[in-house]
Amino acid sequence: MTDSDILITLTSGEVVDLCRRGLQRVNAFPDAINAVTDALLWCELHGVSSHGLNMLSTYMKRALSGGIDPQAVPRITHQHGAMGTS
């Protein structure tokens, strides 16, 4: 059996805890922790696992390497319909 053959089942509470702890370890802004955790959990619960929990390690690696600023606070400066720019 390889690592890719192992199935781990988590409750939604465990997913939330895992996400929050991981994002806290990379010093993410508290509001970002909540928003990212909510989005990852929503994706998992709605069958979009490609954008769910498996993205957590990518976000953490990018935060540690400088590719993502974990302290950034998004701000919308222009909005037109469903589009916004910062």
PDB file of N, CA and C in Angstrom:
ATOM      1  N   MET A   1       0.850  -1.174   0.000  1.00  0.00           N
ATOM      2  CA  MET A   1       0.000   0.000   0.000  1.00  0.00           C
ATOM      3  C   MET A   1       0.899   1.242   0.000  1.00  0.00           C
ATOM      4  N   THR A   2       0.565   2.215  -0.846  1.00  0.00           N
ATOM      5  CA  THR A   2       1.327   3.455  -0.894  1.00  0.00           C
ATOM      6  C   THR A   2       0.558   4.550  -0.155  1.00  0.00           C
ATOM      7  N   ASP A   3       1.221   5.685   0.072  1.00  0.00           N
ATOM      8  CA  ASP A   3       0.562   6.804   0.738  1.00  0.00           C
ATOM      9  C   ASP A   3      -0.683   7.252  -0.005  1.00  0.00           C
ATOM     10  N   SER A   4      -0.665   7.163  -1.325  1.00  0.00           N
ATOM     11  CA  SER A   4      -1.822   7.611  -2.102  1.00  0.00           C
ATOM     12  C   SER A   4      -3.001   6.656  -1.970  1.00  0.00           C
ATOM     13  N   ASP A   5      -2.791   5.471  -1.411  1.00  0.00           N
ATOM     14  CA  ASP A   5      -3.863   4.503  -1.222  1.00  0.00           C
ATOM     15  C   ASP A   5      -4.558   4.654   0.125  1.00  0.00           C
ATOM     16  N   ILE A   6      -4.055   5.530   0.984  1.00  0.00           N
ATOM     17  CA  ILE A   6      -4.608   5.685   2.323  1.00  0.00           C
ATOM     18  C   ILE A   6      -5.738   6.709   2.294  1.00  0.00           C
ATOM     19  N   LEU A   7      -6.883   6.346   2.839  1.00  0.00           N
ATOM     20  CA  LEU A   7      -8.031   7.233   2.915  1.00  0.00           C
ATOM     21  C   LEU A   7      -8.218   7.659   4.358  1.00  0.00           C
ATOM     22  N   ILE A   8      -8.256   8.954   4.575  1.00  0.00           N
ATOM     23  CA  ILE A   8      -8.473   9.497   5.911  1.00  0.00           C
ATOM     24  C   ILE A   8      -9.794  10.248   5.887  1.00  0.00           C
ATOM     25  N   THR A   9     -10.642   9.968   6.828  1.00  0.00           N
ATOM     26  CA  THR A   9     -11.928  10.648   6.925  1.00  0.00           C
ATOM     27  C   THR A   9     -11.886  11.597   8.115  1.00  0.00           C
ATOM     28  N   LEU A  10     -12.260  12.859   7.863  1.00  0.00           N
ATOM     29  CA  LEU A  10     -12.289  13.872   8.907  1.00  0.00           C
ATOM     30  C   LEU A  10     -13.695  14.438   9.031  1.00  0.00           C
ATOM     31  N   THR A  11     -14.059  14.826  10.230  1.00  0.00           N
ATOM     32  CA  THR A  11     -15.314  15.541  10.418  1.00  0.00           C
ATOM     33  C   THR A  11     -15.106  16.978   9.961  1.00  0.00           C
ATOM     34  N   SER A  12     -16.195  17.706   9.752  1.00  0.00           N
ATOM     35  CA  SER A  12     -16.046  19.110   9.361  1.00  0.00           C
ATOM     36  C   SER A  12     -15.338  19.902  10.452  1.00  0.00           C
ATOM     37  N   GLY A  13     -15.572  19.566  11.703  1.00  0.00           N
ATOM     38  CA  GLY A  13     -14.875  20.235  12.800  1.00  0.00           C
ATOM     39  C   GLY A  13     -13.376  19.975  12.765  1.00  0.00           C
ATOM     40  N   GLU A  14     -12.992  18.759  12.399  1.00  0.00           N
ATOM     41  CA  GLU A  14     -11.563  18.443  12.281  1.00  0.00           C
ATOM     42  C   GLU A  14     -10.926  19.173  11.108  1.00  0.00           C
ATOM     43  N   VAL A  15     -11.667  19.327  10.020  1.00  0.00           N
ATOM     44  CA  VAL A  15     -11.159  20.080   8.867  1.00  0.00           C
ATOM     45  C   VAL A  15     -10.939  21.536   9.271  1.00  0.00           C
ATOM     46  N   VAL A  16     -11.909  22.119   9.957  1.00  0.00           N
ATOM     47  CA  VAL A  16     -11.780  23.509  10.415  1.00  0.00           C
ATOM     48  C   VAL A  16     -10.569  23.648  11.330  1.00  0.00           C
ATOM     49  N   ASP A  17     -10.404  22.752  12.263  1.00  0.00           N
ATOM     50  CA  ASP A  17      -9.273  22.802  13.194  1.00  0.00           C
ATOM     51  C   ASP A  17      -7.941  22.673  12.454  1.00  0.00           C
ATOM     52  N   LEU A  18      -7.870  21.741  11.518  1.00  0.00           N
ATOM     53  CA  LEU A  18      -6.651  21.534  10.745  1.00  0.00           C
ATOM     54  C   LEU A  18      -6.296  22.791   9.947  1.00  0.00           C
ATOM     55  N   CYS A  19      -7.281  23.367   9.280  1.00  0.00           N
ATOM     56  CA  CYS A  19      -7.040  24.580   8.498  1.00  0.00           C
ATOM     57  C   CYS A  19      -6.583  25.726   9.386  1.00  0.00           C
ATOM     58  N   ARG A  20      -7.292  25.948  10.451  1.00  0.00           N
ATOM     59  CA  ARG A  20      -6.937  27.069  11.342  1.00  0.00           C
ATOM     60  C   ARG A  20      -5.541  26.905  11.918  1.00  0.00           C
ATOM     61  N   ARG A  21      -5.220  25.699  12.382  1.00  0.00           N
ATOM     62  CA  ARG A  21      -3.876  25.479  12.951  1.00  0.00           C
ATOM     63  C   ARG A  21      -2.794  25.673  11.897  1.00  0.00           C
ATOM     64  N   GLY A  22      -3.033  25.184  10.684  1.00  0.00           N
ATOM     65  CA  GLY A  22      -2.042  25.338   9.622  1.00  0.00           C
ATOM     66  C   GLY A  22      -1.826  26.788   9.250  1.00  0.00           C
ATOM     67  N   LEU A  23      -2.905  27.534   9.115  1.00  0.00           N
ATOM     68  CA  LEU A  23      -2.796  28.942   8.736  1.00  0.00           C
ATOM     69  C   LEU A  23      -2.212  29.789   9.864  1.00  0.00           C
ATOM     70  N   GLN A  24      -2.481  29.414  11.088  1.00  0.00           N
ATOM     71  CA  GLN A  24      -1.859  30.115  12.221  1.00  0.00           C
ATOM     72  C   GLN A  24      -0.353  29.889  12.228  1.00  0.00           C
ATOM     73  N   ARG A  25       0.083  28.701  11.839  1.00  0.00           N
ATOM     74  CA  ARG A  25       1.526  28.391  11.826  1.00  0.00           C
ATOM     75  C   ARG A  25       2.298  29.234  10.826  1.00  0.00           C
ATOM     76  N   VAL A  26       1.612  29.704   9.768  1.00  0.00           N
ATOM     77  CA  VAL A  26       2.284  30.562   8.789  1.00  0.00           C
ATOM     78  C   VAL A  26       1.977  32.032   9.067  1.00  0.00           C
ATOM     79  N   ASN A  27       1.426  32.301  10.251  1.00  0.00           N
ATOM     80  CA  ASN A  27       1.180  33.662  10.715  1.00  0.00           C
ATOM     81  C   ASN A  27       0.183  34.418   9.843  1.00  0.00           C
ATOM     82  N   ALA A  28      -0.860  33.722   9.414  1.00  0.00           N
ATOM     83  CA  ALA A  28      -1.882  34.365   8.592  1.00  0.00           C
ATOM     84  C   ALA A  28      -2.712  35.334   9.431  1.00  0.00           C
ATOM     85  N   PHE A  29      -3.191  36.381   8.778  1.00  0.00           N
ATOM     86  CA  PHE A  29      -4.059  37.372   9.395  1.00  0.00           C
ATOM     87  C   PHE A  29      -5.335  36.673   9.861  1.00  0.00           C
ATOM     88  N   PRO A  30      -5.824  36.956  11.076  1.00  0.00           N
ATOM     89  CA  PRO A  30      -6.994  36.233  11.608  1.00  0.00           C
ATOM     90  C   PRO A  30      -8.217  36.216  10.681  1.00  0.00           C
ATOM     91  N   ASP A  31      -8.538  37.343  10.044  1.00  0.00           N
ATOM     92  CA  ASP A  31      -9.688  37.340   9.135  1.00  0.00           C
ATOM     93  C   ASP A  31      -9.447  36.433   7.937  1.00  0.00           C
ATOM     94  N   ALA A  32      -8.197  36.363   7.492  1.00  0.00           N
ATOM     95  CA  ALA A  32      -7.854  35.471   6.372  1.00  0.00           C
ATOM     96  C   ALA A  32      -8.000  34.012   6.796  1.00  0.00           C
ATOM     97  N   ILE A  33      -7.608  33.717   8.006  1.00  0.00           N
ATOM     98  CA  ILE A  33      -7.758  32.346   8.515  1.00  0.00           C
ATOM     99  C   ILE A  33      -9.220  31.929   8.442  1.00  0.00           C
ATOM    100  N   ASN A  34     -10.106  32.790   8.895  1.00  0.00           N
ATOM    101  CA  ASN A  34     -11.536  32.465   8.870  1.00  0.00           C
ATOM    102  C   ASN A  34     -12.055  32.325   7.445  1.00  0.00           C
ATOM    103  N   ALA A  35     -11.694  33.257   6.575  1.00  0.00           N
ATOM    104  CA  ALA A  35     -12.192  33.233   5.196  1.00  0.00           C
ATOM    105  C   ALA A  35     -11.681  32.017   4.433  1.00  0.00           C
ATOM    106  N   VAL A  36     -10.395  31.731   4.551  1.00  0.00           N
ATOM    107  CA  VAL A  36      -9.813  30.592   3.830  1.00  0.00           C
ATOM    108  C   VAL A  36     -10.378  29.279   4.382  1.00  0.00           C
ATOM    109  N   THR A  37     -10.481  29.184   5.687  1.00  0.00           N
ATOM    110  CA  THR A  37     -11.046  27.975   6.299  1.00  0.00           C
ATOM    111  C   THR A  37     -12.476  27.748   5.819  1.00  0.00           C
ATOM    112  N   ASP A  38     -13.282  28.795   5.817  1.00  0.00           N
ATOM    113  CA  ASP A  38     -14.668  28.671   5.347  1.00  0.00           C
ATOM    114  C   ASP A  38     -14.715  28.214   3.885  1.00  0.00           C
ATOM    115  N   ALA A  39     -13.854  28.803   3.056  1.00  0.00           N
ATOM    116  CA  ALA A  39     -13.856  28.461   1.630  1.00  0.00           C
ATOM    117  C   ALA A  39     -13.412  27.019   1.400  1.00  0.00           C
ATOM    118  N   LEU A  40     -12.358  26.592   2.088  1.00  0.00           N
ATOM    119  CA  LEU A  40     -11.870  25.223   1.918  1.00  0.00           C
ATOM    120  C   LEU A  40     -12.915  24.213   2.384  1.00  0.00           C
ATOM    121  N   LEU A  41     -13.552  24.492   3.508  1.00  0.00           N
ATOM    122  CA  LEU A  41     -14.579  23.584   4.015  1.00  0.00           C
ATOM    123  C   LEU A  41     -15.777  23.551   3.073  1.00  0.00           C
ATOM    124  N   TRP A  42     -16.200  24.727   2.566  1.00  0.00           N
ATOM    125  CA  TRP A  42     -17.335  24.773   1.642  1.00  0.00           C
ATOM    126  C   TRP A  42     -17.052  23.893   0.429  1.00  0.00           C
ATOM    127  N   CYS A  43     -15.850  24.026  -0.118  1.00  0.00           N
ATOM    128  CA  CYS A  43     -15.488  23.228  -1.300  1.00  0.00           C
ATOM    129  C   CYS A  43     -15.540  21.737  -0.992  1.00  0.00           C
ATOM    130  N   GLU A  44     -14.998  21.343   0.141  1.00  0.00           N
ATOM    131  CA  GLU A  44     -15.026  19.916   0.522  1.00  0.00           C
ATOM    132  C   GLU A  44     -16.458  19.413   0.659  1.00  0.00           C
ATOM    133  N   LEU A  45     -17.294  20.202   1.310  1.00  0.00           N
ATOM    134  CA  LEU A  45     -18.677  19.770   1.554  1.00  0.00           C
ATOM    135  C   LEU A  45     -19.531  19.763   0.290  1.00  0.00           C
ATOM    136  N   HIS A  46     -19.085  20.478  -0.741  1.00  0.00           N
ATOM    137  CA  HIS A  46     -19.848  20.552  -1.985  1.00  0.00           C
ATOM    138  C   HIS A  46     -19.188  19.777  -3.127  1.00  0.00           C
ATOM    139  N   GLY A  47     -18.258  18.890  -2.783  1.00  0.00           N
ATOM    140  CA  GLY A  47     -17.672  17.997  -3.778  1.00  0.00           C
ATOM    141  C   GLY A  47     -16.651  18.633  -4.700  1.00  0.00           C
ATOM    142  N   VAL A  48     -16.100  19.764  -4.296  1.00  0.00           N
ATOM    143  CA  VAL A  48     -15.087  20.437  -5.112  1.00  0.00           C
ATOM    144  C   VAL A  48     -13.745  20.295  -4.387  1.00  0.00           C
ATOM    145  N   SER A  49     -13.342  19.055  -4.179  1.00  0.00           N
ATOM    146  CA  SER A  49     -12.148  18.807  -3.374  1.00  0.00           C
ATOM    147  C   SER A  49     -10.872  19.340  -4.020  1.00  0.00           C
ATOM    148  N   SER A  50     -10.891  19.581  -5.328  1.00  0.00           N
ATOM    149  CA  SER A  50      -9.710  20.138  -5.984  1.00  0.00           C
ATOM    150  C   SER A  50      -9.404  21.544  -5.479  1.00  0.00           C
ATOM    151  N   HIS A  51     -10.410  22.220  -4.930  1.00  0.00           N
ATOM    152  CA  HIS A  51     -10.222  23.558  -4.381  1.00  0.00           C
ATOM    153  C   HIS A  51     -10.475  23.562  -2.874  1.00  0.00           C
ATOM    154  N   GLY A  52     -10.476  22.387  -2.281  1.00  0.00           N
ATOM    155  CA  GLY A  52     -10.754  22.248  -0.861  1.00  0.00           C
ATOM    156  C   GLY A  52      -9.485  22.042  -0.049  1.00  0.00           C
ATOM    157  N   LEU A  53      -9.559  21.108   0.846  1.00  0.00           N
ATOM    158  CA  LEU A  53      -8.510  20.881   1.829  1.00  0.00           C
ATOM    159  C   LEU A  53      -7.144  20.606   1.211  1.00  0.00           C
ATOM    160  N   ASN A  54      -7.113  19.996   0.025  1.00  0.00           N
ATOM    161  CA  ASN A  54      -5.807  19.691  -0.560  1.00  0.00           C
ATOM    162  C   ASN A  54      -5.031  20.953  -0.922  1.00  0.00           C
ATOM    163  N   MET A  55      -5.701  22.120  -0.972  1.00  0.00           N
ATOM    164  CA  MET A  55      -5.023  23.387  -1.263  1.00  0.00           C
ATOM    165  C   MET A  55      -4.313  23.956  -0.042  1.00  0.00           C
ATOM    166  N   LEU A  56      -4.641  23.474   1.149  1.00  0.00           N
ATOM    167  CA  LEU A  56      -4.054  24.028   2.369  1.00  0.00           C
ATOM    168  C   LEU A  56      -2.534  23.965   2.353  1.00  0.00           C
ATOM    169  N   SER A  57      -1.966  22.829   1.986  1.00  0.00           N
ATOM    170  CA  SER A  57      -0.495  22.714   1.986  1.00  0.00           C
ATOM    171  C   SER A  57       0.125  23.650   0.952  1.00  0.00           C
ATOM    172  N   THR A  58      -0.540  23.842  -0.181  1.00  0.00           N
ATOM    173  CA  THR A  58      -0.042  24.773  -1.197  1.00  0.00           C
ATOM    174  C   THR A  58      -0.028  26.193  -0.652  1.00  0.00           C
ATOM    175  N   TYR A  59      -1.120  26.605  -0.014  1.00  0.00           N
ATOM    176  CA  TYR A  59      -1.181  27.948   0.559  1.00  0.00           C
ATOM    177  C   TYR A  59      -0.103  28.136   1.623  1.00  0.00           C
ATOM    178  N   MET A  60       0.089  27.126   2.452  1.00  0.00           N
ATOM    179  CA  MET A  60       1.098  27.229   3.510  1.00  0.00           C
ATOM    180  C   MET A  60       2.505  27.329   2.926  1.00  0.00           C
ATOM    181  N   LYS A  61       2.808  26.491   1.933  1.00  0.00           N
ATOM    182  CA  LYS A  61       4.135  26.543   1.295  1.00  0.00           C
ATOM    183  C   LYS A  61       4.382  27.898   0.648  1.00  0.00           C
ATOM    184  N   ARG A  62       3.364  28.420  -0.029  1.00  0.00           N
ATOM    185  CA  ARG A  62       3.523  29.728  -0.682  1.00  0.00           C
ATOM    186  C   ARG A  62       3.698  30.845   0.337  1.00  0.00           C
ATOM    187  N   ALA A  63       3.008  30.757   1.455  1.00  0.00           N
ATOM    188  CA  ALA A  63       3.168  31.764   2.509  1.00  0.00           C
ATOM    189  C   ALA A  63       4.586  31.704   3.081  1.00  0.00           C
ATOM    190  N   LEU A  64       5.103  30.511   3.283  1.00  0.00           N
ATOM    191  CA  LEU A  64       6.450  30.358   3.840  1.00  0.00           C
ATOM    192  C   LEU A  64       7.543  30.778   2.862  1.00  0.00           C
ATOM    193  N   SER A  65       7.273  30.645   1.562  1.00  0.00           N
ATOM    194  CA  SER A  65       8.283  30.989   0.558  1.00  0.00           C
ATOM    195  C   SER A  65       8.173  32.443   0.087  1.00  0.00           C
ATOM    196  N   GLY A  66       7.161  33.163   0.557  1.00  0.00           N
ATOM    197  CA  GLY A  66       6.991  34.553   0.161  1.00  0.00           C
ATOM    198  C   GLY A  66       6.087  34.756  -1.030  1.00  0.00           C
ATOM    199  N   GLY A  67       5.537  33.693  -1.583  1.00  0.00           N
ATOM    200  CA  GLY A  67       4.649  33.809  -2.730  1.00  0.00           C
ATOM    201  C   GLY A  67       3.271  34.350  -2.374  1.00  0.00           C
ATOM    202  N   ILE A  68       2.885  34.202  -1.124  1.00  0.00           N
ATOM    203  CA  ILE A  68       1.632  34.747  -0.599  1.00  0.00           C
ATOM    204  C   ILE A  68       1.994  35.509   0.665  1.00  0.00           C
ATOM    205  N   ASP A  69       1.423  36.689   0.823  1.00  0.00           N
ATOM    206  CA  ASP A  69       1.623  37.464   2.048  1.00  0.00           C
ATOM    207  C   ASP A  69       0.511  37.083   3.023  1.00  0.00           C
ATOM    208  N   PRO A  70       0.822  36.303   4.067  1.00  0.00           N
ATOM    209  CA  PRO A  70      -0.222  35.846   4.981  1.00  0.00           C
ATOM    210  C   PRO A  70      -0.818  36.960   5.839  1.00  0.00           C
ATOM    211  N   GLN A  71      -0.198  38.132   5.817  1.00  0.00           N
ATOM    212  CA  GLN A  71      -0.712  39.271   6.581  1.00  0.00           C
ATOM    213  C   GLN A  71      -1.484  40.263   5.709  1.00  0.00           C
ATOM    214  N   ALA A  72      -1.600  39.963   4.422  1.00  0.00           N
ATOM    215  CA  ALA A  72      -2.293  40.876   3.508  1.00  0.00           C
ATOM    216  C   ALA A  72      -3.768  40.985   3.872  1.00  0.00           C
ATOM    217  N   VAL A  73      -4.292  42.188   3.705  1.00  0.00           N
ATOM    218  CA  VAL A  73      -5.712  42.439   3.917  1.00  0.00           C
ATOM    219  C   VAL A  73      -6.276  42.904   2.583  1.00  0.00           C
ATOM    220  N   PRO A  74      -7.097  42.073   1.930  1.00  0.00           N
ATOM    221  CA  PRO A  74      -7.638  42.452   0.617  1.00  0.00           C
ATOM    222  C   PRO A  74      -8.511  43.705   0.716  1.00  0.00           C
ATOM    223  N   ARG A  75      -8.484  44.482  -0.348  1.00  0.00           N
ATOM    224  CA  ARG A  75      -9.277  45.707  -0.393  1.00  0.00           C
ATOM    225  C   ARG A  75      -9.780  45.876  -1.819  1.00  0.00           C
ATOM    226  N   ILE A  76     -11.072  46.075  -1.979  1.00  0.00           N
ATOM    227  CA  ILE A  76     -11.648  46.319  -3.296  1.00  0.00           C
ATOM    228  C   ILE A  76     -11.669  47.828  -3.518  1.00  0.00           C
ATOM    229  N   THR A  77     -11.029  48.254  -4.606  1.00  0.00           N
ATOM    230  CA  THR A  77     -11.005  49.684  -4.906  1.00  0.00           C
ATOM    231  C   THR A  77     -11.970  50.054  -6.017  1.00  0.00           C
ATOM    232  N   HIS A  78     -12.283  49.120  -6.906  1.00  0.00           N
ATOM    233  CA  HIS A  78     -13.232  49.362  -7.986  1.00  0.00           C
ATOM    234  C   HIS A  78     -14.092  48.114  -8.141  1.00  0.00           C
ATOM    235  N   GLN A  79     -15.369  48.324  -8.333  1.00  0.00           N
ATOM    236  CA  GLN A  79     -16.261  47.177  -8.520  1.00  0.00           C
ATOM    237  C   GLN A  79     -17.229  47.489  -9.652  1.00  0.00           C
ATOM    238  N   HIS A  80     -17.414  46.488 -10.512  1.00  0.00           N
ATOM    239  CA  HIS A  80     -18.353  46.597 -11.620  1.00  0.00           C
ATOM    240  C   HIS A  80     -19.033  45.238 -11.769  1.00  0.00           C
ATOM    241  N   GLY A  81     -20.270  45.155 -11.337  1.00  0.00           N
ATOM    242  CA  GLY A  81     -20.978  43.889 -11.383  1.00  0.00           C
ATOM    243  C   GLY A  81     -20.287  42.867 -10.487  1.00  0.00           C
ATOM    244  N   ALA A  82     -19.944  41.731 -11.067  1.00  0.00           N
ATOM    245  CA  ALA A  82     -19.296  40.668 -10.305  1.00  0.00           C
ATOM    246  C   ALA A  82     -17.784  40.812 -10.285  1.00  0.00           C
ATOM    247  N   MET A  83     -17.261  41.850 -10.936  1.00  0.00           N
ATOM    248  CA  MET A  83     -15.823  42.034 -11.039  1.00  0.00           C
ATOM    249  C   MET A  83     -15.353  43.103 -10.061  1.00  0.00           C
ATOM    250  N   GLY A  84     -14.185  42.891  -9.517  1.00  0.00           N
ATOM    251  CA  GLY A  84     -13.580  43.888  -8.637  1.00  0.00           C
ATOM    252  C   GLY A  84     -12.085  43.899  -8.855  1.00  0.00           C
ATOM    253  N   THR A  85     -11.448  45.021  -8.592  1.00  0.00           N
ATOM    254  CA  THR A  85      -9.991  45.119  -8.702  1.00  0.00           C
ATOM    255  C   THR A  85      -9.459  45.739  -7.425  1.00  0.00           C
ATOM    256  N   SER A  86      -8.231  45.460  -7.173  1.00  0.00           N
ATOM    257  CA  SER A  86      -7.602  46.045  -5.979  1.00  0.00           C
ATOM    258  C   SER A  86      -6.387  46.840  -6.374  1.00  0.00           C
TER     259      SER A  86
END
